[in-house]
Amino acid sequence: MQLARTLSRPLDRALSRPLAHALLAALALTACGDDPATPADTRDASDAADTTVPTDTRVDSEASETTNRLCDPILQSGCDAGENCTYIGAETVATCVAAGPVPANNVCSAEDRCQRGVCLSINQTGNRCYQVCGENTDCGAGTTNECITLTSTPFSVCKIPGLYDQCNLLAQDCTDATKACYAVANEDEPICLLAGSGAPGSECTSAGSCVKGQACVNSVCRSLCDPDVATSCGATATCRDFFDDTGYCAPN
């Protein structure tokens, strides 16, 4: 995980490295209220890259299989054959564990672990094996190979190409009926994520927390609207700038 845009590089590295924009720390938005003076600051940023809080699906029970040897998770050095240099649970230092059968970018689980890298779910896209990186070049050549900064983890991972389907916020045109269109940090365009359950006006923690047609703005689900249509929010709210040509309904 613009992942307010809400799917990542170690947190001790500068967050200004080249990315598509600044997908999975704490929330980038902590202010309350609906003042959209700076549109980018009103969009929810808890779902993506250097501003996203990913769901860490790594299994703590793997710790019993570690060799307690320090290793390099980017170069995959320092481990024996058949081992994966990765991060276990809440550990901040990578160690060697028995490698699983799942190759990079593929679906993983506690039982089917990664050959290399870490098993994570970022922006509600399901558990995938992500390659650990420090900069874009660690992810290969090409402009689509990005090293994205994860919040709340000591490492960054290579973005998986094609994992996020782009969509239109107003049209809500995701082909998968279980998904909705959201603006997420570090993404140039809105993307399809599993639809949330948050009703208009309810509290939210990430873009995907709200139901279809809503956006998480300053921790509250707000209805999306068309700024060019004066009546798009009715008489009790005003359509304020949110993302590109889309707005959100702010109570009067």
Protein backbone atom coordinates (compact mmCIF):
# COMPACT_ATOMS: atom_id res chain seq x y z
CA MET A 1 0.00 0.00 0.00
CA GLN A 2 -1.72 8.78 -2.80
CA LEU A 3 -2.29 4.01 0.34
CA ALA A 4 -4.70 10.32 1.86
CA ARG A 5 -2.92 8.00 0.12
CA THR A 6 -2.98 4.92 2.43
CA LEU A 7 0.88 -1.02 0.55
CA SER A 8 7.67 0.15 2.59
CA ARG A 9 12.43 0.25 3.74
CA PRO A 10 13.72 0.07 7.33
CA LEU A 11 12.30 2.77 9.54
CA ASP A 12 15.77 4.01 10.43
CA ARG A 13 16.28 4.94 6.80
CA ALA A 14 15.09 8.26 5.43
CA LEU A 15 11.57 8.08 4.08
CA SER A 16 12.48 10.38 1.23
CA ARG A 17 13.90 7.68 -1.04
CA PRO A 18 12.34 7.48 -4.51
CA LEU A 19 8.90 5.91 -4.47
CA ALA A 20 5.85 6.36 -6.62
CA HIS A 21 4.91 8.82 -3.90
CA ALA A 22 5.67 9.06 -0.28
CA LEU A 23 1.39 0.76 0.79
CA LEU A 24 1.11 -0.89 4.88
CA ALA A 25 4.76 4.21 12.11
CA ALA A 26 1.56 4.99 13.48
CA LEU A 27 -1.11 6.64 11.39
CA ALA A 28 0.20 9.43 9.25
CA LEU A 29 -2.88 11.40 10.18
CA THR A 30 -3.44 12.08 13.84
CA ALA A 31 -5.33 15.34 13.64
CA CYS A 32 -9.04 15.36 14.33
CA GLY A 33 -11.68 17.33 12.54
CA ASP A 34 -12.48 17.85 8.90
CA ASP A 35 -10.38 20.85 7.93
CA PRO A 36 -9.09 19.98 4.43
CA ALA A 37 -6.71 22.91 4.15
CA THR A 38 -4.13 20.47 2.84
CA PRO A 39 -5.99 17.75 0.90
CA ALA A 40 -3.14 15.25 1.19
CA ASP A 41 -3.30 15.53 4.96
CA THR A 42 -6.98 14.68 5.09
CA ARG A 43 -6.68 11.41 3.24
CA ASP A 44 -6.20 8.36 5.39
CA ALA A 45 -2.63 7.10 5.26
CA SER A 46 -2.73 4.08 7.54
CA ASP A 47 -2.89 1.51 4.78
CA ALA A 48 0.24 1.90 2.71
CA ALA A 49 3.91 1.87 2.13
CA ASP A 50 5.84 4.21 4.34
CA THR A 51 2.65 5.21 6.08
CA THR A 52 0.89 1.88 6.25
CA VAL A 53 0.49 -0.40 9.19
CA PRO A 54 0.70 -3.87 7.68
CA THR A 55 -0.74 -6.93 9.32
CA ASP A 56 2.26 -9.02 10.32
CA THR A 57 1.36 -12.64 9.69
CA ARG A 58 4.75 -14.09 10.57
CA VAL A 59 4.49 -16.88 13.09
CA ASP A 60 6.19 -16.56 16.48
CA SER A 61 6.47 -20.34 16.68
CA GLU A 62 9.10 -20.14 13.96
CA ALA A 63 11.46 -18.72 16.56
CA SER A 64 12.10 -22.23 17.85
CA GLU A 65 13.56 -23.08 14.44
CA THR A 66 16.02 -20.20 14.29
CA THR A 67 19.73 -20.79 14.45
CA ASN A 68 20.36 -17.55 16.36
CA ARG A 69 22.82 -16.46 13.69
CA LEU A 70 22.71 -12.92 12.36
CA CYS A 71 22.25 -12.69 8.61
CA ASP A 72 21.49 -10.25 5.80
CA PRO A 73 17.82 -10.52 4.67
CA ILE A 74 18.45 -8.39 1.58
CA LEU A 75 21.42 -10.33 0.24
CA GLN A 76 20.15 -13.55 1.84
CA SER A 77 23.63 -14.21 3.18
CA GLY A 78 24.82 -15.69 6.44
CA CYS A 79 22.48 -18.70 6.45
CA ASP A 80 22.99 -22.29 5.44
CA ALA A 81 21.48 -23.88 2.36
CA GLY A 82 17.76 -24.45 2.83
CA GLU A 83 17.39 -21.53 5.25
CA ASN A 84 15.71 -18.15 4.92
CA CYS A 85 17.12 -15.00 6.51
CA THR A 86 13.97 -13.31 7.79
CA TYR A 87 12.28 -11.53 10.69
CA ILE A 88 10.37 -13.57 13.24
CA GLY A 89 7.41 -12.13 15.12
CA ALA A 90 8.32 -8.80 16.72
CA GLU A 91 12.08 -9.32 16.40
CA THR A 92 13.98 -6.34 15.00
CA VAL A 93 16.99 -8.36 13.84
CA ALA A 94 16.82 -10.94 11.06
CA THR A 95 17.78 -14.53 11.81
CA CYS A 96 18.05 -17.82 9.91
CA VAL A 97 15.05 -20.15 9.81
CA ALA A 98 14.14 -23.18 7.76
CA ALA A 99 12.98 -21.97 4.35
CA GLY A 100 9.48 -22.78 3.16
CA PRO A 101 8.29 -23.80 -0.30
CA VAL A 102 6.59 -20.54 -1.37
CA PRO A 103 8.48 -18.33 -3.86
CA ALA A 104 8.44 -14.52 -3.82
CA ASN A 105 5.15 -12.71 -4.54
CA ASN A 106 3.05 -15.83 -3.95
CA VAL A 107 0.42 -16.59 -1.30
CA CYS A 108 1.88 -17.84 1.99
CA SER A 109 0.69 -18.98 5.41
CA ALA A 110 1.96 -20.26 8.74
CA GLU A 111 2.24 -23.70 7.19
CA ASP A 112 3.37 -22.68 3.70
CA ARG A 113 6.18 -20.29 4.45
CA CYS A 114 8.43 -18.28 2.17
CA GLN A 115 11.57 -19.51 0.45
CA ARG A 116 12.97 -16.03 0.98
CA GLY A 117 11.75 -12.83 2.64
CA VAL A 118 8.73 -12.38 4.90
CA CYS A 119 5.09 -13.44 4.82
CA LEU A 120 2.94 -10.32 5.21
CA SER A 121 -0.52 -9.00 4.48
CA ILE A 122 -0.34 -5.37 3.36
CA ASN A 123 -3.43 -3.30 2.72
CA GLN A 124 -5.78 -6.22 3.09
CA THR A 125 -4.45 -7.96 0.00
CA GLY A 126 -3.81 -11.28 1.74
CA ASN A 127 -0.61 -12.97 2.87
CA ARG A 128 2.20 -12.84 0.32
CA CYS A 129 5.92 -13.54 0.35
CA TYR A 130 7.66 -10.17 0.13
CA GLN A 131 11.32 -9.70 -0.72
CA VAL A 132 13.18 -7.60 1.87
CA CYS A 133 14.93 -4.52 0.45
CA GLY A 134 16.78 -1.37 1.39
CA GLU A 135 16.35 0.60 -1.84
CA ASN A 136 14.63 0.31 -5.19
CA THR A 137 17.59 -1.35 -6.91
CA ASP A 138 17.29 -4.30 -4.52
CA CYS A 139 13.98 -5.07 -6.23
CA GLY A 140 15.43 -5.34 -9.73
CA ALA A 141 15.47 -3.03 -12.72
CA GLY A 142 12.52 -0.99 -13.93
CA THR A 143 10.40 1.85 -12.63
CA THR A 144 7.76 -0.48 -11.22
CA ASN A 145 10.20 -2.21 -8.89
CA GLU A 146 9.78 -0.20 -5.70
CA CYS A 147 11.13 -0.71 -2.22
CA ILE A 148 8.27 0.43 -0.02
CA THR A 149 8.59 1.46 3.62
CA LEU A 150 6.41 -0.35 6.13
CA THR A 151 5.34 1.40 9.28
CA SER A 152 5.92 -0.47 12.54
CA THR A 153 8.51 -2.84 11.10
CA PRO A 154 12.34 -2.60 11.01
CA PHE A 155 12.48 -3.55 7.35
CA SER A 156 11.15 -2.61 3.92
CA VAL A 157 9.84 -4.88 1.16
CA CYS A 158 9.62 -4.90 -2.62
CA LYS A 159 6.20 -3.97 -3.91
CA ILE A 160 4.49 -6.81 -5.73
CA PRO A 161 3.61 -5.64 -9.27
CA GLY A 162 0.00 -6.01 -10.31
CA LEU A 163 -1.26 -6.78 -6.82
CA TYR A 164 -3.42 -3.68 -6.70
CA ASP A 165 -6.16 -3.07 -9.25
CA GLN A 166 -6.68 0.62 -9.99
CA CYS A 167 -10.18 2.07 -9.91
CA ASN A 168 -12.31 5.22 -9.89
CA LEU A 169 -13.41 6.52 -6.49
CA LEU A 170 -16.71 7.96 -7.67
CA ALA A 171 -17.55 5.12 -10.04
CA GLN A 172 -16.52 2.45 -7.52
CA ASP A 173 -15.80 0.20 -10.47
CA CYS A 174 -13.87 -2.68 -8.85
CA THR A 175 -14.78 -5.88 -10.68
CA ASP A 176 -14.57 -7.95 -7.49
CA ALA A 177 -17.85 -7.47 -5.61
CA THR A 178 -16.09 -7.95 -2.27
CA LYS A 179 -13.83 -4.95 -2.87
CA ALA A 180 -14.26 -1.19 -2.92
CA CYS A 181 -12.18 1.65 -4.35
CA TYR A 182 -9.97 3.55 -1.88
CA ALA A 183 -7.27 6.23 -2.02
CA VAL A 184 -4.18 4.84 -0.34
CA ALA A 185 -0.83 6.43 0.53
CA ASN A 186 2.04 5.87 -1.91
CA GLU A 187 -0.30 4.94 -4.74
CA ASP A 188 -0.71 7.37 -7.64
CA GLU A 189 -4.20 6.07 -8.32
CA PRO A 190 -6.96 4.68 -6.09
CA ILE A 191 -6.88 0.90 -5.70
CA CYS A 192 -9.33 -1.92 -4.96
CA LEU A 193 -9.22 -3.34 -1.43
CA LEU A 194 -11.56 -5.59 0.50
CA ALA A 195 -14.53 -3.44 1.46
CA GLY A 196 -14.80 -2.47 5.11
CA SER A 197 -17.86 -2.30 7.33
CA GLY A 198 -17.61 1.24 8.71
CA ALA A 199 -20.79 3.25 8.10
CA PRO A 200 -20.75 6.99 7.33
CA GLY A 201 -19.74 8.92 10.44
CA SER A 202 -18.23 5.94 12.24
CA GLU A 203 -14.64 5.83 13.45
CA CYS A 204 -12.03 4.25 11.17
CA THR A 205 -8.38 3.32 11.37
CA SER A 206 -7.57 2.84 7.69
CA ALA A 207 -8.96 3.50 4.23
CA GLY A 208 -10.33 -0.02 3.98
CA SER A 209 -12.21 0.31 7.27
CA CYS A 210 -15.16 2.07 5.63
CA VAL A 211 -17.92 0.67 3.46
CA LYS A 212 -17.97 1.12 -0.30
CA GLY A 213 -18.26 4.76 -1.35
CA GLN A 214 -16.68 6.06 1.86
CA ALA A 215 -13.24 7.40 2.72
CA CYS A 216 -11.45 7.43 6.07
CA VAL A 217 -10.79 11.12 6.68
CA ASN A 218 -9.20 12.12 9.97
CA SER A 219 -10.30 8.80 11.48
CA VAL A 220 -13.96 9.18 10.46
CA CYS A 221 -15.76 7.51 7.54
CA ARG A 222 -17.01 10.21 5.16
CA SER A 223 -19.04 9.84 1.98
CA LEU A 224 -17.25 10.50 -1.29
CA CYS A 225 -18.68 13.23 -3.50
CA ASP A 226 -18.20 15.15 -6.74
CA PRO A 227 -16.87 18.68 -6.04
CA ASP A 228 -18.40 19.87 -9.33
CA VAL A 229 -21.90 18.96 -8.17
CA ALA A 230 -23.08 21.45 -5.58
CA THR A 231 -25.78 19.18 -4.21
CA SER A 232 -23.71 15.99 -4.03
CA CYS A 233 -23.66 16.08 -0.21
CA GLY A 234 -27.15 17.42 0.36
CA ALA A 235 -28.00 20.37 2.56
CA THR A 236 -26.25 19.24 5.74
CA ALA A 237 -22.71 18.78 4.40
CA THR A 238 -20.22 20.36 1.99
CA CYS A 239 -18.10 18.53 -0.59
CA ARG A 240 -14.46 19.30 0.19
CA ASP A 241 -11.32 18.36 -1.76
CA PHE A 242 -10.01 14.88 -1.08
CA PHE A 243 -8.19 13.11 -3.92
CA ASP A 244 -7.74 14.44 -7.45
CA ASP A 245 -11.24 15.13 -8.78
CA THR A 246 -13.02 13.50 -5.83
CA GLY A 247 -14.20 15.09 -2.60
CA TYR A 248 -15.64 13.99 0.72
CA CYS A 249 -18.74 15.23 2.53
CA ALA A 250 -17.84 17.34 5.55
CA PRO A 251 -20.68 18.22 7.94
CA ASN A 252 -21.61 21.89 7.89
